[in-house]
Amino acid sequence: MSNVLNCTGHELKLPNIVDSAGAYLFDDRGNRYLDLESGVWCTPLGHKNARVNTAIMRQASSIAHAGFCFSNNIVEDAAKSVLEITGLDGGQCVFLCSGSEAIELARQICKHITKKPVTMCLHDAYLGSYSSVIHRENGWHLFDWRECAVCPNGEDCKSQCPKLKDIPDSVSEFVFEPGSASGFVRFPPASLIRNIVEIIRAQGGKIVVNDVTTGMGRTGEWFGFNHYQIEPDLVAIGKGLGNGYPVSGLAINRKTIGELKDDIFIYVQSHQNDPLGAAVAHEVIEVLIDEDLVSRAAILGGKFLKELQTLANSKCITEVRGRGLMLAVEFAEKTVGDRIYDQLLEKGYIVCNRGGMFRIDPPLVIEEADLLRFVEVFRSLLDEE
């Protein structure tokens, strides 16, 4: 693709995919590939989902784009659905175009309300592609939880821990990425997160959850934060919300909405609350509910994790970890992972290779038999190594 700038850092291996169905992709040479990464984690319902496509065509045939002074009822319906699944009933929701934008809006809202200058996140959190969250030299407090992962207190994290006492009272918001860890699939201790949340709240800060990657059933719960027994003020959602269509959402709780109304807040974007994006989000939620795919992800993910853990007997694998249908396989040597990645692709399996680690995030509709076949192919390649 000579006319397309590829700046993702990933080599384009399959330049001409011409069809798709569920968990499968098909190229122009007639080859079939099992997509174990859901695109870029974006298709929990699989590719070319019939119900989502129908919703797109239905909405596009009436009104796709709204203005600042006119809208469509589907936006209200979709917002209600998002607030229900996030547990933020009584709050409000705004629809945008990307997870990065949802995080940006959340941070602007928090700083507008708290009048505090500092954003806090875990040291390994990915919060989007904007420079405002990539460059963290000033206005940030990064909480390094690597010691917490091996702390003898484990899930009995002590609120008097010196690391927790170092959190400054200038923190406007704690942006918590619940288990993605910049795509490396690491899960901080729940008690640690609850202690951080308690401290930030006591200091007058807000709790923002970045569930762009871990939301929409990916971890076997509706959202990654559900594993931590916390109640966020704002929840950023993206990727799976559109099942491949570029729509994101920011759900905001009742208290925060009240504070915004007390001190008028303005945020303007051309595709804010577009009916087409809202229609897609609403239908994705309906399909997840109707087909009970969140519970299915928990059950199927548990089985898949056990199968992958049997590969840890290989000297090539150092660790297998996961939650729901978000999993990672760590290699002892990067070169081994690189070789096996290419061999899997030749055999029709797409995973994400993160420099010595495979991230595996299949569509929630994937068949168990497909996952088991993948494990056996993976096992045979490890045996050859």
Protein backbone atom coordinates (compact mmCIF):
# COMPACT_ATOMS: atom_id res chain seq x y z
CA MET A 1 0.00 0.00 0.00
CA SER A 2 2.23 2.79 -1.31
CA ASN A 3 -0.33 5.56 -0.73
CA VAL A 4 -1.13 4.64 2.87
CA LEU A 5 0.98 5.78 5.81
CA ASN A 6 1.51 2.90 8.23
CA CYS A 7 2.71 4.38 11.53
CA THR A 8 1.29 1.79 13.92
CA GLY A 9 4.61 0.08 14.51
CA HIS A 10 3.20 -3.19 13.13
CA GLU A 11 4.11 -4.78 9.82
CA LEU A 12 1.16 -5.14 7.45
CA LYS A 13 1.07 -8.89 6.86
CA LEU A 14 -2.27 -9.30 5.04
CA PRO A 15 -2.84 -6.29 2.76
CA ASN A 16 -6.03 -7.42 1.04
CA ILE A 17 -8.67 -9.07 3.21
CA VAL A 18 -11.75 -9.28 0.99
CA ASP A 19 -14.35 -10.89 3.24
CA SER A 20 -15.08 -11.81 6.83
CA ALA A 21 -17.52 -13.84 8.90
CA GLY A 22 -17.59 -14.06 12.68
CA ALA A 23 -14.09 -14.89 13.90
CA TYR A 24 -12.78 -15.52 10.36
CA LEU A 25 -11.12 -13.38 7.68
CA PHE A 26 -10.58 -14.27 4.02
CA ASP A 27 -7.93 -12.84 1.70
CA ASP A 28 -7.86 -12.37 -2.07
CA ARG A 29 -5.95 -15.66 -2.50
CA GLY A 30 -8.67 -17.74 -0.89
CA ASN A 31 -6.90 -18.19 2.44
CA ARG A 32 -8.88 -18.26 5.69
CA TYR A 33 -7.59 -16.82 8.98
CA LEU A 34 -8.92 -17.14 12.53
CA ASP A 35 -8.78 -13.63 14.00
CA LEU A 36 -7.72 -14.16 17.61
CA GLU A 37 -7.22 -10.44 18.18
CA SER A 38 -10.69 -9.18 17.14
CA GLY A 39 -9.12 -6.69 14.77
CA VAL A 40 -7.67 -4.24 17.28
CA TRP A 41 -9.78 -5.72 20.12
CA CYS A 42 -12.76 -4.02 18.47
CA THR A 43 -15.09 -6.80 17.28
CA PRO A 44 -16.54 -8.71 20.26
CA LEU A 45 -19.49 -9.81 18.10
CA GLY A 46 -17.22 -10.95 15.29
CA HIS A 47 -16.76 -9.48 11.84
CA LYS A 48 -19.73 -8.66 9.60
CA ASN A 49 -22.27 -9.16 12.38
CA ALA A 50 -25.69 -9.28 10.71
CA ARG A 51 -27.59 -7.42 13.43
CA VAL A 52 -25.05 -4.62 13.66
CA ASN A 53 -24.93 -4.25 9.88
CA THR A 54 -28.73 -4.07 9.76
CA ALA A 55 -28.73 -1.38 12.44
CA ILE A 56 -26.17 0.62 10.45
CA MET A 57 -28.22 0.45 7.27
CA ARG A 58 -31.45 1.26 9.08
CA GLN A 59 -30.03 4.35 10.79
CA ALA A 60 -28.04 5.52 7.77
CA SER A 61 -31.22 5.45 5.70
CA SER A 62 -32.80 8.09 7.95
CA ILE A 63 -30.17 10.30 9.64
CA ALA A 64 -26.54 9.47 10.33
CA HIS A 65 -25.15 12.78 11.54
CA ALA A 66 -26.65 15.33 13.91
CA GLY A 67 -25.99 19.00 14.52
CA PHE A 68 -25.74 21.02 17.70
CA CYS A 69 -29.45 21.88 17.68
CA PHE A 70 -31.02 18.68 16.33
CA SER A 71 -30.73 14.97 17.13
CA ASN A 72 -32.57 11.65 17.02
CA ASN A 73 -34.18 9.48 19.72
CA ILE A 74 -31.68 6.65 19.16
CA VAL A 75 -29.03 8.74 20.94
CA GLU A 76 -31.19 8.86 24.10
CA ASP A 77 -31.93 5.14 23.88
CA ALA A 78 -28.26 4.26 23.46
CA ALA A 79 -27.23 6.52 26.34
CA LYS A 80 -29.75 4.82 28.61
CA SER A 81 -28.33 1.41 27.65
CA VAL A 82 -24.76 2.51 28.39
CA LEU A 83 -25.72 3.92 31.77
CA GLU A 84 -27.51 0.69 32.66
CA ILE A 85 -24.58 -1.59 31.86
CA THR A 86 -22.08 0.69 33.63
CA GLY A 87 -24.31 0.95 36.70
CA LEU A 88 -24.37 4.76 36.45
CA ASP A 89 -28.15 5.11 36.32
CA GLY A 90 -29.20 8.71 36.80
CA GLY A 91 -26.07 9.98 35.11
CA GLN A 92 -25.53 10.97 31.51
CA CYS A 93 -23.55 9.71 28.52
CA VAL A 94 -21.84 11.34 25.56
CA PHE A 95 -20.90 9.52 22.34
CA LEU A 96 -17.64 10.31 20.57
CA CYS A 97 -15.39 8.65 17.98
CA SER A 98 -12.51 7.00 19.83
CA GLY A 99 -11.42 5.77 23.22
CA SER A 100 -8.62 8.32 23.24
CA GLU A 101 -11.17 11.10 22.93
CA ALA A 102 -13.32 9.66 25.71
CA ILE A 103 -10.31 9.74 28.06
CA GLU A 104 -9.46 13.28 26.98
CA LEU A 105 -13.00 14.47 27.70
CA ALA A 106 -13.03 12.69 31.06
CA ARG A 107 -9.82 14.43 32.14
CA GLN A 108 -11.11 17.83 31.04
CA ILE A 109 -14.32 17.30 33.03
CA CYS A 110 -12.44 16.27 36.17
CA LYS A 111 -10.06 19.20 36.07
CA HIS A 112 -12.94 21.58 35.40
CA ILE A 113 -14.73 20.36 38.53
CA THR A 114 -11.87 19.76 40.98
CA LYS A 115 -9.65 22.68 39.90
CA LYS A 116 -6.69 20.36 40.62
CA PRO A 117 -3.74 20.04 38.18
CA VAL A 118 -2.50 16.44 38.46
CA THR A 119 -3.63 13.24 36.72
CA MET A 120 -2.73 9.96 38.39
CA CYS A 121 -2.49 6.56 36.72
CA LEU A 122 -0.60 3.31 37.15
CA HIS A 123 2.91 3.38 35.72
CA ASP A 124 2.09 0.94 32.88
CA ALA A 125 -1.29 2.35 31.87
CA TYR A 126 -2.07 3.20 28.26
CA LEU A 127 -4.58 6.05 28.11
CA GLY A 128 -4.80 6.79 24.41
CA SER A 129 -2.92 8.15 21.43
CA TYR A 130 -3.11 11.87 22.25
CA SER A 131 0.07 13.68 23.25
CA SER A 132 -1.76 14.96 26.34
CA VAL A 133 -1.63 11.44 27.84
CA ILE A 134 1.57 10.16 26.22
CA HIS A 135 3.88 12.87 27.56
CA ARG A 136 3.73 12.57 31.34
CA GLU A 137 6.68 14.66 32.49
CA ASN A 138 4.53 17.38 34.04
CA GLY A 139 1.14 17.27 35.72
CA TRP A 140 1.18 13.53 36.34
CA HIS A 141 1.62 11.20 39.29
CA LEU A 142 2.60 7.73 38.10
CA PHE A 143 1.98 4.99 40.66
CA ASP A 144 4.50 2.19 40.12
CA TRP A 145 2.75 -0.97 41.30
CA ARG A 146 5.48 -3.48 40.41
CA GLU A 147 6.40 -3.89 44.08
CA CYS A 148 2.70 -4.26 44.92
CA ALA A 149 2.45 -7.23 42.56
CA VAL A 150 4.88 -9.18 44.75
CA CYS A 151 3.97 -7.61 48.09
CA PRO A 152 3.58 -10.23 50.88
CA ASN A 153 0.31 -8.54 51.88
CA GLY A 154 -1.07 -9.51 48.46
CA GLU A 155 -4.82 -8.94 48.40
CA ASP A 156 -4.63 -7.47 51.90
CA CYS A 157 -3.04 -4.21 50.81
CA LYS A 158 -2.48 -1.87 53.76
CA SER A 159 -3.79 1.68 53.43
CA GLN A 160 -0.81 2.85 55.53
CA CYS A 161 1.68 1.60 52.91
CA PRO A 162 4.35 4.29 52.24
CA LYS A 163 3.63 4.16 48.50
CA LEU A 164 0.01 5.06 49.14
CA LYS A 165 1.02 7.87 51.50
CA ASP A 166 3.04 9.41 48.64
CA ILE A 167 -0.11 10.17 46.61
CA PRO A 168 -0.34 13.99 46.46
CA ASP A 169 -3.56 15.81 47.32
CA SER A 170 -3.25 17.75 44.03
CA VAL A 171 -4.61 14.75 42.07
CA SER A 172 -7.66 15.73 40.03
CA GLU A 173 -8.45 12.25 38.79
CA PHE A 174 -7.15 8.70 39.05
CA VAL A 175 -7.47 7.12 35.59
CA PHE A 176 -7.53 3.38 36.13
CA GLU A 177 -6.93 0.92 33.29
CA PRO A 178 -8.29 -2.32 34.83
CA GLY A 179 -6.07 -5.08 33.53
CA SER A 180 -4.77 -4.17 30.11
CA ALA A 181 -1.50 -2.58 31.27
CA SER A 182 -0.75 -1.10 27.85
CA GLY A 183 -1.79 -4.35 26.22
CA PHE A 184 0.42 -6.61 28.32
CA VAL A 185 -2.54 -8.04 30.28
CA ARG A 186 -1.48 -7.52 33.89
CA PHE A 187 -3.96 -7.25 36.74
CA PRO A 188 -3.15 -5.05 39.76
CA PRO A 189 -4.35 -6.30 43.16
CA ALA A 190 -7.97 -5.37 43.84
CA SER A 191 -7.26 -4.23 47.40
CA LEU A 192 -4.57 -1.85 46.13
CA ILE A 193 -6.99 -0.24 43.70
CA ARG A 194 -9.69 0.08 46.35
CA ASN A 195 -7.22 1.81 48.66
CA ILE A 196 -6.15 4.22 45.92
CA VAL A 197 -9.79 5.00 45.13
CA GLU A 198 -10.52 5.70 48.80
CA ILE A 199 -7.55 8.07 49.08
CA ILE A 200 -8.35 10.00 45.89
CA ARG A 201 -12.00 10.36 46.88
CA ALA A 202 -11.09 11.59 50.37
CA GLN A 203 -8.89 14.25 48.77
CA GLY A 204 -11.71 15.47 46.52
CA GLY A 205 -10.50 13.80 43.30
CA LYS A 206 -12.45 11.82 40.73
CA ILE A 207 -12.22 8.18 39.64
CA VAL A 208 -12.08 7.60 35.89
CA VAL A 209 -12.05 4.06 34.51
CA ASN A 210 -10.44 3.45 31.14
CA ASP A 211 -12.45 0.43 30.01
CA VAL A 212 -11.82 1.01 26.32
CA THR A 213 -9.96 -2.31 26.00
CA THR A 214 -11.35 -4.24 28.97
CA GLY A 215 -15.02 -3.33 28.54
CA MET A 216 -17.99 -4.79 26.67
CA GLY A 217 -17.66 -8.26 28.18
CA ARG A 218 -14.02 -8.81 27.29
CA THR A 219 -12.98 -9.93 30.80
CA GLY A 220 -16.09 -12.00 31.57
CA GLU A 221 -17.79 -9.02 33.23
CA TRP A 222 -19.40 -6.09 31.47
CA PHE A 223 -16.39 -3.97 32.43
CA GLY A 224 -12.94 -4.54 33.83
CA PHE A 225 -13.68 -2.35 36.85
CA ASN A 226 -16.40 -4.82 37.91
CA HIS A 227 -13.60 -7.13 39.10
CA TYR A 228 -12.45 -4.48 41.58
CA GLN A 229 -15.66 -3.66 43.47
CA ILE A 230 -15.29 0.08 42.91
CA GLU A 231 -17.81 2.68 41.79
CA PRO A 232 -16.23 5.06 39.27
CA ASP A 233 -17.35 8.60 38.57
CA LEU A 234 -16.70 8.32 34.83
CA VAL A 235 -16.29 5.31 32.55
CA ALA A 236 -14.58 5.61 29.16
CA ILE A 237 -15.71 3.00 26.61
CA GLY A 238 -14.57 2.36 23.04
CA LYS A 239 -13.35 -0.41 20.74
CA GLY A 240 -15.97 -3.14 21.33
CA LEU A 241 -18.76 -0.58 21.76
CA GLY A 242 -18.87 -0.19 17.97
CA ASN A 243 -17.90 -3.74 16.92
CA GLY A 244 -15.60 -2.21 14.31
CA TYR A 245 -17.52 1.04 13.79
CA PRO A 246 -15.66 4.08 15.23
CA VAL A 247 -17.80 5.07 18.20
CA SER A 248 -16.86 5.58 21.84
CA GLY A 249 -18.73 6.68 24.92
CA LEU A 250 -18.15 8.42 28.20
CA ALA A 251 -20.59 7.51 30.99
CA ILE A 252 -20.76 10.04 33.84
CA ASN A 253 -22.40 9.44 37.22
CA ARG A 254 -25.21 11.53 38.69
CA LYS A 255 -23.03 13.43 41.19
CA THR A 256 -20.53 14.53 38.55
CA ILE A 257 -23.31 15.63 36.17
CA GLY A 258 -24.74 17.76 38.99
CA GLU A 259 -21.36 19.38 39.53
CA LEU A 260 -21.05 20.13 35.81
CA LYS A 261 -24.43 21.87 35.80
CA ASP A 262 -23.34 24.01 38.74
CA ASP A 263 -20.31 25.26 36.75
CA ILE A 264 -21.09 25.24 33.02
CA PHE A 265 -18.75 23.01 30.99
CA ILE A 266 -18.36 23.21 27.19
CA TYR A 267 -16.90 20.54 24.93
CA VAL A 268 -17.57 20.71 21.18
CA GLN A 269 -16.81 18.07 18.56
CA SER A 270 -18.35 17.68 15.09
CA HIS A 271 -19.41 14.03 15.52
CA GLN A 272 -20.49 14.25 19.14
CA ASN A 273 -23.64 12.19 19.78
CA ASP A 274 -24.09 11.21 16.14
CA PRO A 275 -27.20 9.03 15.64
CA LEU A 276 -25.33 6.46 13.51
CA GLY A 277 -22.67 5.78 16.13
CA ALA A 278 -25.32 5.68 18.85
CA ALA A 279 -27.40 3.20 16.85
CA VAL A 280 -24.40 0.89 16.51
CA ALA A 281 -23.58 1.12 20.22
CA HIS A 282 -27.19 0.41 21.17
CA GLU A 283 -27.35 -2.66 18.92
CA VAL A 284 -24.01 -4.02 20.17
CA ILE A 285 -25.29 -3.84 23.74
CA GLU A 286 -28.55 -5.53 22.74
CA VAL A 287 -26.71 -8.41 21.05
CA LEU A 288 -24.40 -8.90 24.03
CA ILE A 289 -27.46 -9.12 26.28
CA ASP A 290 -29.65 -11.26 23.99
CA GLU A 291 -26.89 -13.82 23.36
CA ASP A 292 -25.56 -13.72 26.95
CA LEU A 293 -22.06 -13.19 25.58
CA VAL A 294 -20.60 -11.65 28.75
CA SER A 295 -21.24 -14.82 30.76
CA ARG A 296 -20.08 -16.87 27.79
CA ALA A 297 -16.78 -14.96 27.77
CA ALA A 298 -16.24 -15.82 31.44
CA ILE A 299 -16.92 -19.52 30.93
CA LEU A 300 -15.16 -19.96 27.60
CA GLY A 301 -12.26 -17.78 28.71
CA GLY A 302 -11.75 -19.94 31.80
CA LYS A 303 -11.55 -23.08 29.64
CA PHE A 304 -9.24 -21.41 27.14
CA LEU A 305 -6.92 -20.17 29.89
CA LYS A 306 -6.59 -23.69 31.31
CA GLU A 307 -5.72 -25.06 27.87
CA LEU A 308 -3.14 -22.36 27.27
CA GLN A 309 -1.62 -22.96 30.70
CA THR A 310 -0.81 -26.52 29.64
CA LEU A 311 1.65 -24.94 27.21
CA ALA A 312 3.62 -23.50 30.12
CA ASN A 313 5.29 -26.89 30.45
CA SER A 314 7.28 -25.89 27.40
CA LYS A 315 10.67 -24.33 28.10
CA CYS A 316 9.71 -21.62 25.61
CA ILE A 317 6.84 -20.23 27.73
CA THR A 318 7.41 -18.37 30.99
CA GLU A 319 3.87 -17.33 31.88
CA VAL A 320 0.25 -17.55 30.74
CA ARG A 321 -2.27 -15.14 32.25
CA GLY A 322 -5.75 -13.94 31.47
CA ARG A 323 -9.20 -12.90 32.54
CA GLY A 324 -12.23 -13.82 30.46
CA LEU A 325 -11.27 -13.70 26.79
CA MET A 326 -8.30 -11.39 27.32
CA LEU A 327 -5.16 -13.50 27.56
CA ALA A 328 -1.39 -13.29 27.24
CA VAL A 329 1.35 -15.84 26.61
CA GLU A 330 4.86 -14.76 27.58
CA PHE A 331 7.91 -16.25 25.83
CA ALA A 332 11.32 -16.85 27.35
CA GLU A 333 12.93 -15.47 24.20
CA LYS A 334 11.56 -12.83 21.84
CA THR A 335 13.03 -14.56 18.78
CA VAL A 336 11.05 -17.72 19.53
CA GLY A 337 7.82 -15.72 19.75
CA ASP A 338 8.61 -13.98 16.48
CA ARG A 339 9.17 -17.28 14.67
CA ILE A 340 6.02 -18.89 16.05
CA TYR A 341 3.99 -15.77 15.23
CA ASP A 342 4.96 -16.05 11.54
CA GLN A 343 4.31 -19.80 11.53
CA LEU A 344 0.87 -19.35 13.09
CA LEU A 345 0.01 -16.79 10.43
CA GLU A 346 1.03 -19.24 7.71
CA LYS A 347 -1.32 -21.79 9.28
CA GLY A 348 -4.20 -19.29 9.38
CA TYR A 349 -4.07 -17.88 12.93
CA ILE A 350 -3.80 -14.17 13.77
CA VAL A 351 -2.53 -13.14 17.21
CA CYS A 352 -0.88 -9.93 18.38
CA ASN A 353 2.88 -10.25 18.86
CA ARG A 354 4.14 -7.76 21.46
CA GLY A 355 7.86 -8.44 21.34
CA GLY A 356 8.07 -11.77 23.11
CA MET A 357 4.44 -11.92 24.21
CA PHE A 358 1.28 -12.98 22.42
CA ARG A 359 -1.88 -11.10 23.30
CA ILE A 360 -5.01 -13.09 22.47
CA ASP A 361 -8.42 -11.37 22.46
CA PRO A 362 -10.77 -13.43 20.26
CA PRO A 363 -14.34 -12.36 19.43
CA LEU A 364 -16.75 -13.35 22.20
CA VAL A 365 -18.70 -15.38 19.62
CA ILE A 366 -15.76 -17.64 18.76
CA GLU A 367 -16.42 -21.37 18.89
CA GLU A 368 -14.73 -23.45 21.57
CA ALA A 369 -13.59 -25.96 18.95
CA ASP A 370 -11.69 -23.21 17.11
CA LEU A 371 -9.85 -22.28 20.30
CA LEU A 372 -8.94 -25.89 21.03
CA ARG A 373 -7.60 -26.37 17.50
CA PHE A 374 -5.49 -23.25 17.89
CA VAL A 375 -3.98 -24.57 21.14
CA GLU A 376 -3.00 -27.83 19.47
CA VAL A 377 -1.39 -26.04 16.51
CA PHE A 378 0.40 -23.74 18.96
CA ARG A 379 1.55 -26.78 20.98
CA SER A 380 2.97 -28.48 17.89
CA LEU A 381 5.00 -25.40 16.99
CA LEU A 382 6.36 -25.17 20.53
CA ASP A 383 7.34 -28.85 20.38
CA GLU A 384 9.34 -28.16 17.21
CA GLU A 385 11.22 -25.41 19.04
